[in-house]
Amino acid sequence: MFKDLLGGLKKEAEKRLAEQEELRKKQEQNQKDVAKPNPQKRNRRSGKYGRLAAWIKSNYGSSFKDGQTSDEVKTQLDRIFTELESKGSLSGDAKRGFRTFIDTRKYGDLVKVRE
């Protein structure tokens, strides 16, 4: 009788320990998920081409001045694109992204454009 009672208590205790461990793991995972940045919000302030614009500013910032027309900016970007392409510095994805950035004519992240 006591063996059955002890065996039942032991099984119950093991079950509760397993449940507590599972709950702890879920809480840890939730904390990790909360800490992860939301990829959709990552560049919300800087727009779709924020990282590219920041890279262009850091490497070719002296080529651009606030108040340029979008045609002047496009000409400068075409020159930079051609230069990088001739050096072989752009991968396929980078080429497409850079070319699309030039063609969209949304240069607000790079410079204040005058229309």
PDB file of N, CA and C in Angstrom:
ATOM      1  N   MET A   1       0.811  -1.182   0.000  1.00  0.00           N
ATOM      2  CA  MET A   1       0.000   0.000   0.000  1.00  0.00           C
ATOM      3  C   MET A   1       0.865   1.261   0.000  1.00  0.00           C
ATOM      4  N   PHE A   2       1.885   1.260   0.888  1.00  0.00           N
ATOM      5  CA  PHE A   2       2.758   2.414   0.936  1.00  0.00           C
ATOM      6  C   PHE A   2       3.583   2.561  -0.343  1.00  0.00           C
ATOM      7  N   LYS A   3       3.965   1.406  -0.914  1.00  0.00           N
ATOM      8  CA  LYS A   3       4.727   1.451  -2.165  1.00  0.00           C
ATOM      9  C   LYS A   3       3.887   2.090  -3.268  1.00  0.00           C
ATOM     10  N   ASP A   4       2.606   1.723  -3.332  1.00  0.00           N
ATOM     11  CA  ASP A   4       1.729   2.310  -4.347  1.00  0.00           C
ATOM     12  C   ASP A   4       1.568   3.806  -4.127  1.00  0.00           C
ATOM     13  N   LEU A   5       1.397   4.199  -2.880  1.00  0.00           N
ATOM     14  CA  LEU A   5       1.237   5.617  -2.547  1.00  0.00           C
ATOM     15  C   LEU A   5       2.509   6.386  -2.885  1.00  0.00           C
ATOM     16  N   LEU A   6       3.661   5.860  -2.488  1.00  0.00           N
ATOM     17  CA  LEU A   6       4.939   6.510  -2.804  1.00  0.00           C
ATOM     18  C   LEU A   6       5.184   6.553  -4.314  1.00  0.00           C
ATOM     19  N   GLY A   7       4.852   5.462  -4.987  1.00  0.00           N
ATOM     20  CA  GLY A   7       5.016   5.430  -6.446  1.00  0.00           C
ATOM     21  C   GLY A   7       4.134   6.471  -7.121  1.00  0.00           C
ATOM     22  N   GLY A   8       2.917   6.618  -6.668  1.00  0.00           N
ATOM     23  CA  GLY A   8       2.005   7.628  -7.227  1.00  0.00           C
ATOM     24  C   GLY A   8       2.490   9.035  -6.959  1.00  0.00           C
ATOM     25  N   LEU A   9       2.974   9.285  -5.740  1.00  0.00           N
ATOM     26  CA  LEU A   9       3.510  10.602  -5.387  1.00  0.00           C
ATOM     27  C   LEU A   9       4.754  10.927  -6.225  1.00  0.00           C
ATOM     28  N   LYS A  10       5.582   9.913  -6.413  1.00  0.00           N
ATOM     29  CA  LYS A  10       6.802  10.118  -7.198  1.00  0.00           C
ATOM     30  C   LYS A  10       6.461  10.462  -8.647  1.00  0.00           C
ATOM     31  N   LYS A  11       5.484   9.733  -9.223  1.00  0.00           N
ATOM     32  CA  LYS A  11       5.061  10.017 -10.601  1.00  0.00           C
ATOM     33  C   LYS A  11       4.468  11.417 -10.714  1.00  0.00           C
ATOM     34  N   GLU A  12       3.674  11.801  -9.716  1.00  0.00           N
ATOM     35  CA  GLU A  12       3.057  13.129  -9.707  1.00  0.00           C
ATOM     36  C   GLU A  12       4.129  14.219  -9.617  1.00  0.00           C
ATOM     37  N   ALA A  13       5.122  13.984  -8.761  1.00  0.00           N
ATOM     38  CA  ALA A  13       6.208  14.955  -8.611  1.00  0.00           C
ATOM     39  C   ALA A  13       7.010  15.078  -9.911  1.00  0.00           C
ATOM     40  N   GLU A  14       7.292  13.950 -10.554  1.00  0.00           N
ATOM     41  CA  GLU A  14       8.028  13.982 -11.819  1.00  0.00           C
ATOM     42  C   GLU A  14       7.226  14.712 -12.892  1.00  0.00           C
ATOM     43  N   LYS A  15       5.922  14.483 -12.905  1.00  0.00           N
ATOM     44  CA  LYS A  15       5.049  15.140 -13.881  1.00  0.00           C
ATOM     45  C   LYS A  15       5.062  16.655 -13.673  1.00  0.00           C
ATOM     46  N   ARG A  16       4.982  17.081 -12.412  1.00  0.00           N
ATOM     47  CA  ARG A  16       5.007  18.523 -12.120  1.00  0.00           C
ATOM     48  C   ARG A  16       6.353  19.142 -12.469  1.00  0.00           C
ATOM     49  N   LEU A  17       7.428  18.428 -12.194  1.00  0.00           N
ATOM     50  CA  LEU A  17       8.758  18.934 -12.559  1.00  0.00           C
ATOM     51  C   LEU A  17       8.889  19.092 -14.074  1.00  0.00           C
ATOM     52  N   ALA A  18       8.360  18.137 -14.817  1.00  0.00           N
ATOM     53  CA  ALA A  18       8.408  18.212 -16.276  1.00  0.00           C
ATOM     54  C   ALA A  18       7.582  19.402 -16.778  1.00  0.00           C
ATOM     55  N   GLU A  19       6.418  19.615 -16.169  1.00  0.00           N
ATOM     56  CA  GLU A  19       5.573  20.749 -16.557  1.00  0.00           C
ATOM     57  C   GLU A  19       6.260  22.074 -16.253  1.00  0.00           C
ATOM     58  N   GLN A  20       6.902  22.160 -15.078  1.00  0.00           N
ATOM     59  CA  GLN A  20       7.621  23.378 -14.711  1.00  0.00           C
ATOM     60  C   GLN A  20       8.785  23.648 -15.665  1.00  0.00           C
ATOM     61  N   GLU A  21       9.493  22.598 -16.024  1.00  0.00           N
ATOM     62  CA  GLU A  21      10.609  22.745 -16.963  1.00  0.00           C
ATOM     63  C   GLU A  21      10.112  23.215 -18.327  1.00  0.00           C
ATOM     64  N   GLU A  22       8.997  22.645 -18.780  1.00  0.00           N
ATOM     65  CA  GLU A  22       8.420  23.049 -20.061  1.00  0.00           C
ATOM     66  C   GLU A  22       7.973  24.514 -20.012  1.00  0.00           C
ATOM     67  N   LEU A  23       7.365  24.918 -18.915  1.00  0.00           N
ATOM     68  CA  LEU A  23       6.930  26.300 -18.745  1.00  0.00           C
ATOM     69  C   LEU A  23       8.131  27.243 -18.738  1.00  0.00           C
ATOM     70  N   ARG A  24       9.200  26.851 -18.048  1.00  0.00           N
ATOM     71  CA  ARG A  24      10.413  27.672 -18.008  1.00  0.00           C
ATOM     72  C   ARG A  24      11.004  27.851 -19.401  1.00  0.00           C
ATOM     73  N   LYS A  25      11.027  26.766 -20.182  1.00  0.00           N
ATOM     74  CA  LYS A  25      11.555  26.849 -21.550  1.00  0.00           C
ATOM     75  C   LYS A  25      10.712  27.777 -22.413  1.00  0.00           C
ATOM     76  N   LYS A  26       9.385  27.705 -22.257  1.00  0.00           N
ATOM     77  CA  LYS A  26       8.505  28.588 -23.023  1.00  0.00           C
ATOM     78  C   LYS A  26       8.735  30.045 -22.642  1.00  0.00           C
ATOM     79  N   GLN A  27       8.928  30.317 -21.354  1.00  0.00           N
ATOM     80  CA  GLN A  27       9.183  31.677 -20.911  1.00  0.00           C
ATOM     81  C   GLN A  27      10.504  32.193 -21.458  1.00  0.00           C
ATOM     82  N   GLU A  28      11.528  31.362 -21.466  1.00  0.00           N
ATOM     83  CA  GLU A  28      12.819  31.757 -22.038  1.00  0.00           C
ATOM     84  C   GLU A  28      12.678  32.059 -23.522  1.00  0.00           C
ATOM     85  N   GLN A  29      11.935  31.227 -24.242  1.00  0.00           N
ATOM     86  CA  GLN A  29      11.731  31.444 -25.670  1.00  0.00           C
ATOM     87  C   GLN A  29      10.970  32.741 -25.917  1.00  0.00           C
ATOM     88  N   ASN A  30       9.969  33.014 -25.082  1.00  0.00           N
ATOM     89  CA  ASN A  30       9.211  34.256 -25.217  1.00  0.00           C
ATOM     90  C   ASN A  30      10.106  35.465 -24.989  1.00  0.00           C
ATOM     91  N   GLN A  31      11.003  35.378 -24.014  1.00  0.00           N
ATOM     92  CA  GLN A  31      11.924  36.475 -23.760  1.00  0.00           C
ATOM     93  C   GLN A  31      12.864  36.676 -24.942  1.00  0.00           C
ATOM     94  N   LYS A  32      13.322  35.583 -25.548  1.00  0.00           N
ATOM     95  CA  LYS A  32      14.183  35.695 -26.727  1.00  0.00           C
ATOM     96  C   LYS A  32      13.421  36.311 -27.886  1.00  0.00           C
ATOM     97  N   ASP A  33      12.157  35.900 -28.056  1.00  0.00           N
ATOM     98  CA  ASP A  33      11.352  36.444 -29.148  1.00  0.00           C
ATOM     99  C   ASP A  33      11.102  37.931 -28.965  1.00  0.00           C
ATOM    100  N   VAL A  34      10.904  38.357 -27.733  1.00  0.00           N
ATOM    101  CA  VAL A  34      10.690  39.772 -27.461  1.00  0.00           C
ATOM    102  C   VAL A  34      11.954  40.558 -27.765  1.00  0.00           C
ATOM    103  N   ALA A  35      13.103  39.981 -27.492  1.00  0.00           N
ATOM    104  CA  ALA A  35      14.371  40.672 -27.701  1.00  0.00           C
ATOM    105  C   ALA A  35      14.755  40.779 -29.173  1.00  0.00           C
ATOM    106  N   LYS A  36      14.167  39.935 -30.044  1.00  0.00           N
ATOM    107  CA  LYS A  36      14.513  39.977 -31.459  1.00  0.00           C
ATOM    108  C   LYS A  36      13.901  41.212 -32.104  1.00  0.00           C
ATOM    109  N   PRO A  37      14.662  41.915 -32.954  1.00  0.00           N
ATOM    110  CA  PRO A  37      14.077  43.046 -33.661  1.00  0.00           C
ATOM    111  C   PRO A  37      13.092  42.553 -34.710  1.00  0.00           C
ATOM    112  N   ASN A  38      12.053  43.313 -34.900  1.00  0.00           N
ATOM    113  CA  ASN A  38      11.059  42.972 -35.909  1.00  0.00           C
ATOM    114  C   ASN A  38      11.607  43.395 -37.270  1.00  0.00           C
ATOM    115  N   PRO A  39      11.834  42.454 -38.189  1.00  0.00           N
ATOM    116  CA  PRO A  39      12.444  42.815 -39.471  1.00  0.00           C
ATOM    117  C   PRO A  39      11.584  43.780 -40.286  1.00  0.00           C
ATOM    118  N   GLN A  40      10.291  43.796 -40.062  1.00  0.00           N
ATOM    119  CA  GLN A  40       9.435  44.708 -40.806  1.00  0.00           C
ATOM    120  C   GLN A  40       9.585  46.135 -40.316  1.00  0.00           C
ATOM    121  N   LYS A  41       9.995  46.328 -39.076  1.00  0.00           N
ATOM    122  CA  LYS A  41      10.134  47.660 -38.520  1.00  0.00           C
ATOM    123  C   LYS A  41      11.567  48.166 -38.580  1.00  0.00           C
ATOM    124  N   ARG A  42      12.489  47.343 -39.024  1.00  0.00           N
ATOM    125  CA  ARG A  42      13.904  47.663 -38.960  1.00  0.00           C
ATOM    126  C   ARG A  42      14.247  48.990 -39.627  1.00  0.00           C
ATOM    127  N   ASN A  43      13.789  49.195 -40.836  1.00  0.00           N
ATOM    128  CA  ASN A  43      14.141  50.403 -41.576  1.00  0.00           C
ATOM    129  C   ASN A  43      12.942  51.296 -41.804  1.00  0.00           C
ATOM    130  N   ARG A  44      11.982  51.264 -40.891  1.00  0.00           N
ATOM    131  CA  ARG A  44      10.756  52.031 -41.100  1.00  0.00           C
ATOM    132  C   ARG A  44      11.058  53.516 -41.279  1.00  0.00           C
ATOM    133  N   ARG A  45      11.943  54.071 -40.462  1.00  0.00           N
ATOM    134  CA  ARG A  45      12.207  55.490 -40.550  1.00  0.00           C
ATOM    135  C   ARG A  45      12.996  55.832 -41.811  1.00  0.00           C
ATOM    136  N   SER A  46      13.893  54.986 -42.200  1.00  0.00           N
ATOM    137  CA  SER A  46      14.780  55.311 -43.305  1.00  0.00           C
ATOM    138  C   SER A  46      14.286  54.793 -44.651  1.00  0.00           C
ATOM    139  N   GLY A  47      13.159  54.112 -44.713  1.00  0.00           N
ATOM    140  CA  GLY A  47      12.623  53.674 -45.989  1.00  0.00           C
ATOM    141  C   GLY A  47      13.251  52.383 -46.470  1.00  0.00           C
ATOM    142  N   LYS A  48      12.832  51.983 -47.659  1.00  0.00           N
ATOM    143  CA  LYS A  48      13.242  50.694 -48.201  1.00  0.00           C
ATOM    144  C   LYS A  48      14.732  50.632 -48.522  1.00  0.00           C
ATOM    145  N   TYR A  49      15.308  51.743 -48.947  1.00  0.00           N
ATOM    146  CA  TYR A  49      16.705  51.746 -49.367  1.00  0.00           C
ATOM    147  C   TYR A  49      17.592  52.494 -48.372  1.00  0.00           C
ATOM    148  N   GLY A  50      17.206  52.487 -47.102  1.00  0.00           N
ATOM    149  CA  GLY A  50      17.945  53.223 -46.073  1.00  0.00           C
ATOM    150  C   GLY A  50      19.392  52.777 -45.926  1.00  0.00           C
ATOM    151  N   ARG A  51      19.611  51.472 -45.926  1.00  0.00           N
ATOM    152  CA  ARG A  51      20.986  50.968 -45.773  1.00  0.00           C
ATOM    153  C   ARG A  51      21.841  51.339 -46.976  1.00  0.00           C
ATOM    154  N   LEU A  52      21.277  51.237 -48.171  1.00  0.00           N
ATOM    155  CA  LEU A  52      22.016  51.601 -49.378  1.00  0.00           C
ATOM    156  C   LEU A  52      22.334  53.088 -49.365  1.00  0.00           C
ATOM    157  N   ALA A  53      21.340  53.913 -49.015  1.00  0.00           N
ATOM    158  CA  ALA A  53      21.557  55.360 -48.959  1.00  0.00           C
ATOM    159  C   ALA A  53      22.643  55.696 -47.934  1.00  0.00           C
ATOM    160  N   ALA A  54      22.629  55.036 -46.784  1.00  0.00           N
ATOM    161  CA  ALA A  54      23.648  55.290 -45.762  1.00  0.00           C
ATOM    162  C   ALA A  54      25.037  54.903 -46.276  1.00  0.00           C
ATOM    163  N   TRP A  55      25.124  53.776 -46.997  1.00  0.00           N
ATOM    164  CA  TRP A  55      26.410  53.355 -47.551  1.00  0.00           C
ATOM    165  C   TRP A  55      26.909  54.365 -48.587  1.00  0.00           C
ATOM    166  N   ILE A  56      26.011  54.824 -49.441  1.00  0.00           N
ATOM    167  CA  ILE A  56      26.399  55.813 -50.463  1.00  0.00           C
ATOM    168  C   ILE A  56      26.867  57.098 -49.785  1.00  0.00           C
ATOM    169  N   LYS A  57      26.140  57.546 -48.753  1.00  0.00           N
ATOM    170  CA  LYS A  57      26.532  58.763 -48.029  1.00  0.00           C
ATOM    171  C   LYS A  57      27.925  58.622 -47.431  1.00  0.00           C
ATOM    172  N   SER A  58      28.179  57.460 -46.811  1.00  0.00           N
ATOM    173  CA  SER A  58      29.468  57.301 -46.139  1.00  0.00           C
ATOM    174  C   SER A  58      30.621  57.203 -47.123  1.00  0.00           C
ATOM    175  N   ASN A  59      30.385  56.668 -48.307  1.00  0.00           N
ATOM    176  CA  ASN A  59      31.468  56.498 -49.275  1.00  0.00           C
ATOM    177  C   ASN A  59      31.528  57.588 -50.337  1.00  0.00           C
ATOM    178  N   TYR A  60      30.403  58.195 -50.659  1.00  0.00           N
ATOM    179  CA  TYR A  60      30.359  59.188 -51.740  1.00  0.00           C
ATOM    180  C   TYR A  60      29.589  60.437 -51.327  1.00  0.00           C
ATOM    181  N   GLY A  61      29.544  60.714 -50.032  1.00  0.00           N
ATOM    182  CA  GLY A  61      28.749  61.837 -49.519  1.00  0.00           C
ATOM    183  C   GLY A  61      29.135  63.181 -50.100  1.00  0.00           C
ATOM    184  N   SER A  62      30.401  63.361 -50.422  1.00  0.00           N
ATOM    185  CA  SER A  62      30.845  64.654 -50.958  1.00  0.00           C
ATOM    186  C   SER A  62      30.323  64.901 -52.372  1.00  0.00           C
ATOM    187  N   SER A  63      29.808  63.879 -53.021  1.00  0.00           N
ATOM    188  CA  SER A  63      29.281  64.031 -54.379  1.00  0.00           C
ATOM    189  C   SER A  63      27.877  64.636 -54.395  1.00  0.00           C
ATOM    190  N   PHE A  64      27.235  64.699 -53.235  1.00  0.00           N
ATOM    191  CA  PHE A  64      25.844  65.142 -53.177  1.00  0.00           C
ATOM    192  C   PHE A  64      25.704  66.360 -52.281  1.00  0.00           C
ATOM    193  N   LYS A  65      24.830  67.281 -52.704  1.00  0.00           N
ATOM    194  CA  LYS A  65      24.539  68.479 -51.925  1.00  0.00           C
ATOM    195  C   LYS A  65      23.033  68.629 -51.835  1.00  0.00           C
ATOM    196  N   ASP A  66      22.548  69.014 -50.654  1.00  0.00           N
ATOM    197  CA  ASP A  66      21.118  69.260 -50.518  1.00  0.00           C
ATOM    198  C   ASP A  66      20.692  70.328 -51.511  1.00  0.00           C
ATOM    199  N   GLY A  67      19.525  70.141 -52.082  1.00  0.00           N
ATOM    200  CA  GLY A  67      18.993  71.109 -53.033  1.00  0.00           C
ATOM    201  C   GLY A  67      19.262  70.749 -54.489  1.00  0.00           C
ATOM    202  N   GLN A  68      19.950  69.638 -54.744  1.00  0.00           N
ATOM    203  CA  GLN A  68      20.152  69.214 -56.132  1.00  0.00           C
ATOM    204  C   GLN A  68      18.824  68.732 -56.694  1.00  0.00           C
ATOM    205  N   THR A  69      18.691  68.769 -57.999  1.00  0.00           N
ATOM    206  CA  THR A  69      17.496  68.217 -58.627  1.00  0.00           C
ATOM    207  C   THR A  69      17.627  66.702 -58.680  1.00  0.00           C
ATOM    208  N   SER A  70      16.502  66.035 -58.871  1.00  0.00           N
ATOM    209  CA  SER A  70      16.554  64.570 -58.932  1.00  0.00           C
ATOM    210  C   SER A  70      17.352  64.112 -60.150  1.00  0.00           C
ATOM    211  N   ASP A  71      17.353  64.900 -61.231  1.00  0.00           N
ATOM    212  CA  ASP A  71      18.166  64.538 -62.406  1.00  0.00           C
ATOM    213  C   ASP A  71      19.658  64.597 -62.091  1.00  0.00           C
ATOM    214  N   GLU A  72      20.068  65.605 -61.326  1.00  0.00           N
ATOM    215  CA  GLU A  72      21.477  65.712 -60.945  1.00  0.00           C
ATOM    216  C   GLU A  72      21.886  64.546 -60.041  1.00  0.00           C
ATOM    217  N   VAL A  73      21.021  64.202 -59.107  1.00  0.00           N
ATOM    218  CA  VAL A  73      21.307  63.087 -58.212  1.00  0.00           C
ATOM    219  C   VAL A  73      21.368  61.790 -59.006  1.00  0.00           C
ATOM    220  N   LYS A  74      20.424  61.612 -59.935  1.00  0.00           N
ATOM    221  CA  LYS A  74      20.402  60.401 -60.763  1.00  0.00           C
ATOM    222  C   LYS A  74      21.697  60.293 -61.569  1.00  0.00           C
ATOM    223  N   THR A  75      22.161  61.401 -62.127  1.00  0.00           N
ATOM    224  CA  THR A  75      23.407  61.400 -62.898  1.00  0.00           C
ATOM    225  C   THR A  75      24.586  60.978 -62.025  1.00  0.00           C
ATOM    226  N   GLN A  76      24.657  61.517 -60.809  1.00  0.00           N
ATOM    227  CA  GLN A  76      25.740  61.150 -59.892  1.00  0.00           C
ATOM    228  C   GLN A  76      25.665  59.666 -59.532  1.00  0.00           C
ATOM    229  N   LEU A  77      24.452  59.181 -59.247  1.00  0.00           N
ATOM    230  CA  LEU A  77      24.286  57.771 -58.888  1.00  0.00           C
ATOM    231  C   LEU A  77      24.632  56.857 -60.059  1.00  0.00           C
ATOM    232  N   ASP A  78      24.257  57.264 -61.268  1.00  0.00           N
ATOM    233  CA  ASP A  78      24.627  56.474 -62.452  1.00  0.00           C
ATOM    234  C   ASP A  78      26.143  56.390 -62.595  1.00  0.00           C
ATOM    235  N   ARG A  79      26.828  57.501 -62.326  1.00  0.00           N
ATOM    236  CA  ARG A  79      28.287  57.525 -62.408  1.00  0.00           C
ATOM    237  C   ARG A  79      28.895  56.577 -61.374  1.00  0.00           C
ATOM    238  N   ILE A  80      28.375  56.625 -60.145  1.00  0.00           N
ATOM    239  CA  ILE A  80      28.874  55.744 -59.081  1.00  0.00           C
ATOM    240  C   ILE A  80      28.598  54.282 -59.433  1.00  0.00           C
ATOM    241  N   PHE A  81      27.384  54.016 -59.927  1.00  0.00           N
ATOM    242  CA  PHE A  81      27.011  52.651 -60.310  1.00  0.00           C
ATOM    243  C   PHE A  81      27.958  52.117 -61.385  1.00  0.00           C
ATOM    244  N   THR A  82      28.213  52.922 -62.404  1.00  0.00           N
ATOM    245  CA  THR A  82      29.099  52.522 -63.497  1.00  0.00           C
ATOM    246  C   THR A  82      30.508  52.246 -62.969  1.00  0.00           C
ATOM    247  N   GLU A  83      30.970  53.108 -62.080  1.00  0.00           N
ATOM    248  CA  GLU A  83      32.309  52.938 -61.503  1.00  0.00           C
ATOM    249  C   GLU A  83      32.400  51.626 -60.718  1.00  0.00           C
ATOM    250  N   LEU A  84      31.407  51.359 -59.874  1.00  0.00           N
ATOM    251  CA  LEU A  84      31.415  50.127 -59.074  1.00  0.00           C
ATOM    252  C   LEU A  84      31.264  48.886 -59.948  1.00  0.00           C
ATOM    253  N   GLU A  85      30.442  49.007 -60.973  1.00  0.00           N
ATOM    254  CA  GLU A  85      30.229  47.878 -61.880  1.00  0.00           C
ATOM    255  C   GLU A  85      31.505  47.544 -62.647  1.00  0.00           C
ATOM    256  N   SER A  86      32.232  48.578 -63.085  1.00  0.00           N
ATOM    257  CA  SER A  86      33.468  48.339 -63.836  1.00  0.00           C
ATOM    258  C   SER A  86      34.547  47.710 -62.953  1.00  0.00           C
ATOM    259  N   LYS A  87      34.514  48.001 -61.653  1.00  0.00           N
ATOM    260  CA  LYS A  87      35.468  47.395 -60.724  1.00  0.00           C
ATOM    261  C   LYS A  87      35.066  45.979 -60.337  1.00  0.00           C
ATOM    262  N   GLY A  88      33.815  45.618 -60.630  1.00  0.00           N
ATOM    263  CA  GLY A  88      33.317  44.305 -60.235  1.00  0.00           C
ATOM    264  C   GLY A  88      32.979  44.241 -58.749  1.00  0.00           C
ATOM    265  N   SER A  89      32.655  45.386 -58.167  1.00  0.00           N
ATOM    266  CA  SER A  89      32.403  45.462 -56.730  1.00  0.00           C
ATOM    267  C   SER A  89      30.970  45.107 -56.342  1.00  0.00           C
ATOM    268  N   LEU A  90      30.087  44.929 -57.312  1.00  0.00           N
ATOM    269  CA  LEU A  90      28.681  44.685 -57.009  1.00  0.00           C
ATOM    270  C   LEU A  90      28.285  43.259 -57.354  1.00  0.00           C
ATOM    271  N   SER A  91      27.631  42.597 -56.411  1.00  0.00           N
ATOM    272  CA  SER A  91      27.078  41.273 -56.700  1.00  0.00           C
ATOM    273  C   SER A  91      25.782  41.462 -57.487  1.00  0.00           C
ATOM    274  N   GLY A  92      25.185  40.381 -57.915  1.00  0.00           N
ATOM    275  CA  GLY A  92      23.950  40.455 -58.691  1.00  0.00           C
ATOM    276  C   GLY A  92      22.824  41.145 -57.941  1.00  0.00           C
ATOM    277  N   ASP A  93      22.628  40.765 -56.675  1.00  0.00           N
ATOM    278  CA  ASP A  93      21.574  41.391 -55.872  1.00  0.00           C
ATOM    279  C   ASP A  93      21.866  42.862 -55.627  1.00  0.00           C
ATOM    280  N   ALA A  94      23.114  43.171 -55.349  1.00  0.00           N
ATOM    281  CA  ALA A  94      23.492  44.562 -55.105  1.00  0.00           C
ATOM    282  C   ALA A  94      23.278  45.406 -56.358  1.00  0.00           C
ATOM    283  N   LYS A  95      23.597  44.857 -57.518  1.00  0.00           N
ATOM    284  CA  LYS A  95      23.366  45.579 -58.775  1.00  0.00           C
ATOM    285  C   LYS A  95      21.890  45.891 -58.964  1.00  0.00           C
ATOM    286  N   ARG A  96      21.060  44.867 -58.760  1.00  0.00           N
ATOM    287  CA  ARG A  96      19.614  45.066 -58.940  1.00  0.00           C
ATOM    288  C   ARG A  96      19.075  46.083 -57.947  1.00  0.00           C
ATOM    289  N   GLY A  97      19.505  45.984 -56.705  1.00  0.00           N
ATOM    290  CA  GLY A  97      19.036  46.920 -55.684  1.00  0.00           C
ATOM    291  C   GLY A  97      19.483  48.343 -55.966  1.00  0.00           C
ATOM    292  N   PHE A  98      20.733  48.503 -56.349  1.00  0.00           N
ATOM    293  CA  PHE A  98      21.270  49.830 -56.652  1.00  0.00           C
ATOM    294  C   PHE A  98      20.541  50.412 -57.863  1.00  0.00           C
ATOM    295  N   ARG A  99      20.385  49.609 -58.902  1.00  0.00           N
ATOM    296  CA  ARG A  99      19.710  50.081 -60.114  1.00  0.00           C
ATOM    297  C   ARG A  99      18.253  50.463 -59.814  1.00  0.00           C
ATOM    298  N   THR A 100      17.576  49.665 -59.017  1.00  0.00           N
ATOM    299  CA  THR A 100      16.190  49.965 -58.654  1.00  0.00           C
ATOM    300  C   THR A 100      16.123  51.251 -57.841  1.00  0.00           C
ATOM    301  N   PHE A 101      17.075  51.448 -56.920  1.00  0.00           N
ATOM    302  CA  PHE A 101      17.130  52.683 -56.136  1.00  0.00           C
ATOM    303  C   PHE A 101      17.282  53.882 -57.053  1.00  0.00           C
ATOM    304  N   ILE A 102      18.148  53.772 -58.045  1.00  0.00           N
ATOM    305  CA  ILE A 102      18.338  54.878 -58.988  1.00  0.00           C
ATOM    306  C   ILE A 102      17.040  55.131 -59.762  1.00  0.00           C
ATOM    307  N   ASP A 103      16.409  54.082 -60.232  1.00  0.00           N
ATOM    308  CA  ASP A 103      15.219  54.223 -61.076  1.00  0.00           C
ATOM    309  C   ASP A 103      13.980  54.708 -60.324  1.00  0.00           C
ATOM    310  N   THR A 104      13.899  54.458 -59.010  1.00  0.00           N
ATOM    311  CA  THR A 104      12.718  54.902 -58.263  1.00  0.00           C
ATOM    312  C   THR A 104      12.700  56.411 -58.066  1.00  0.00           C
ATOM    313  N   ARG A 105      13.872  57.025 -58.091  1.00  0.00           N
ATOM    314  CA  ARG A 105      14.013  58.472 -57.904  1.00  0.00           C
ATOM    315  C   ARG A 105      13.461  58.945 -56.560  1.00  0.00           C
ATOM    316  N   LYS A 106      13.533  58.078 -55.572  1.00  0.00           N
ATOM    317  CA  LYS A 106      13.151  58.469 -54.215  1.00  0.00           C
ATOM    318  C   LYS A 106      14.436  58.587 -53.415  1.00  0.00           C
ATOM    319  N   TYR A 107      15.037  59.762 -53.461  1.00  0.00           N
ATOM    320  CA  TYR A 107      16.365  59.951 -52.901  1.00  0.00           C
ATOM    321  C   TYR A 107      16.336  60.647 -51.541  1.00  0.00           C
ATOM    322  N   GLY A 108      15.175  60.686 -50.900  1.00  0.00           N
ATOM    323  CA  GLY A 108      15.029  61.399 -49.624  1.00  0.00           C
ATOM    324  C   GLY A 108      15.961  60.908 -48.532  1.00  0.00           C
ATOM    325  N   ASP A 109      16.313  59.635 -48.556  1.00  0.00           N
ATOM    326  CA  ASP A 109      17.232  59.107 -47.545  1.00  0.00           C
ATOM    327  C   ASP A 109      18.672  59.558 -47.815  1.00  0.00           C
ATOM    328  N   LEU A 110      18.949  59.916 -49.031  1.00  0.00           N
ATOM    329  CA  LEU A 110      20.316  60.256 -49.417  1.00  0.00           C
ATOM    330  C   LEU A 110      20.566  61.758 -49.339  1.00  0.00           C
ATOM    331  N   VAL A 111      19.653  62.537 -49.884  1.00  0.00           N
ATOM    332  CA  VAL A 111      19.853  63.983 -49.969  1.00  0.00           C
ATOM    333  C   VAL A 111      18.477  64.659 -50.139  1.00  0.00           C
ATOM    334  N   LYS A 112      18.377  65.906 -49.692  1.00  0.00           N
ATOM    335  CA  LYS A 112      17.142  66.657 -49.902  1.00  0.00           C
ATOM    336  C   LYS A 112      17.121  67.135 -51.346  1.00  0.00           C
ATOM    337  N   VAL A 113      16.156  66.638 -52.095  1.00  0.00           N
ATOM    338  CA  VAL A 113      16.106  66.913 -53.530  1.00  0.00           C
ATOM    339  C   VAL A 113      15.136  68.057 -53.803  1.00  0.00           C
ATOM    340  N   ARG A 114      15.539  68.899 -54.718  1.00  0.00           N
ATOM    341  CA  ARG A 114      14.681  69.986 -55.175  1.00  0.00           C
ATOM    342  C   ARG A 114      14.107  69.554 -56.515  1.00  0.00           C
ATOM    343  N   GLU A 115      12.817  69.657 -56.649  1.00  0.00           N
ATOM    344  CA  GLU A 115      12.172  69.216 -57.904  1.00  0.00           C
ATOM    345  C   GLU A 115      12.178  70.278 -58.948  1.00  0.00           C
TER     346      GLU A 115
END
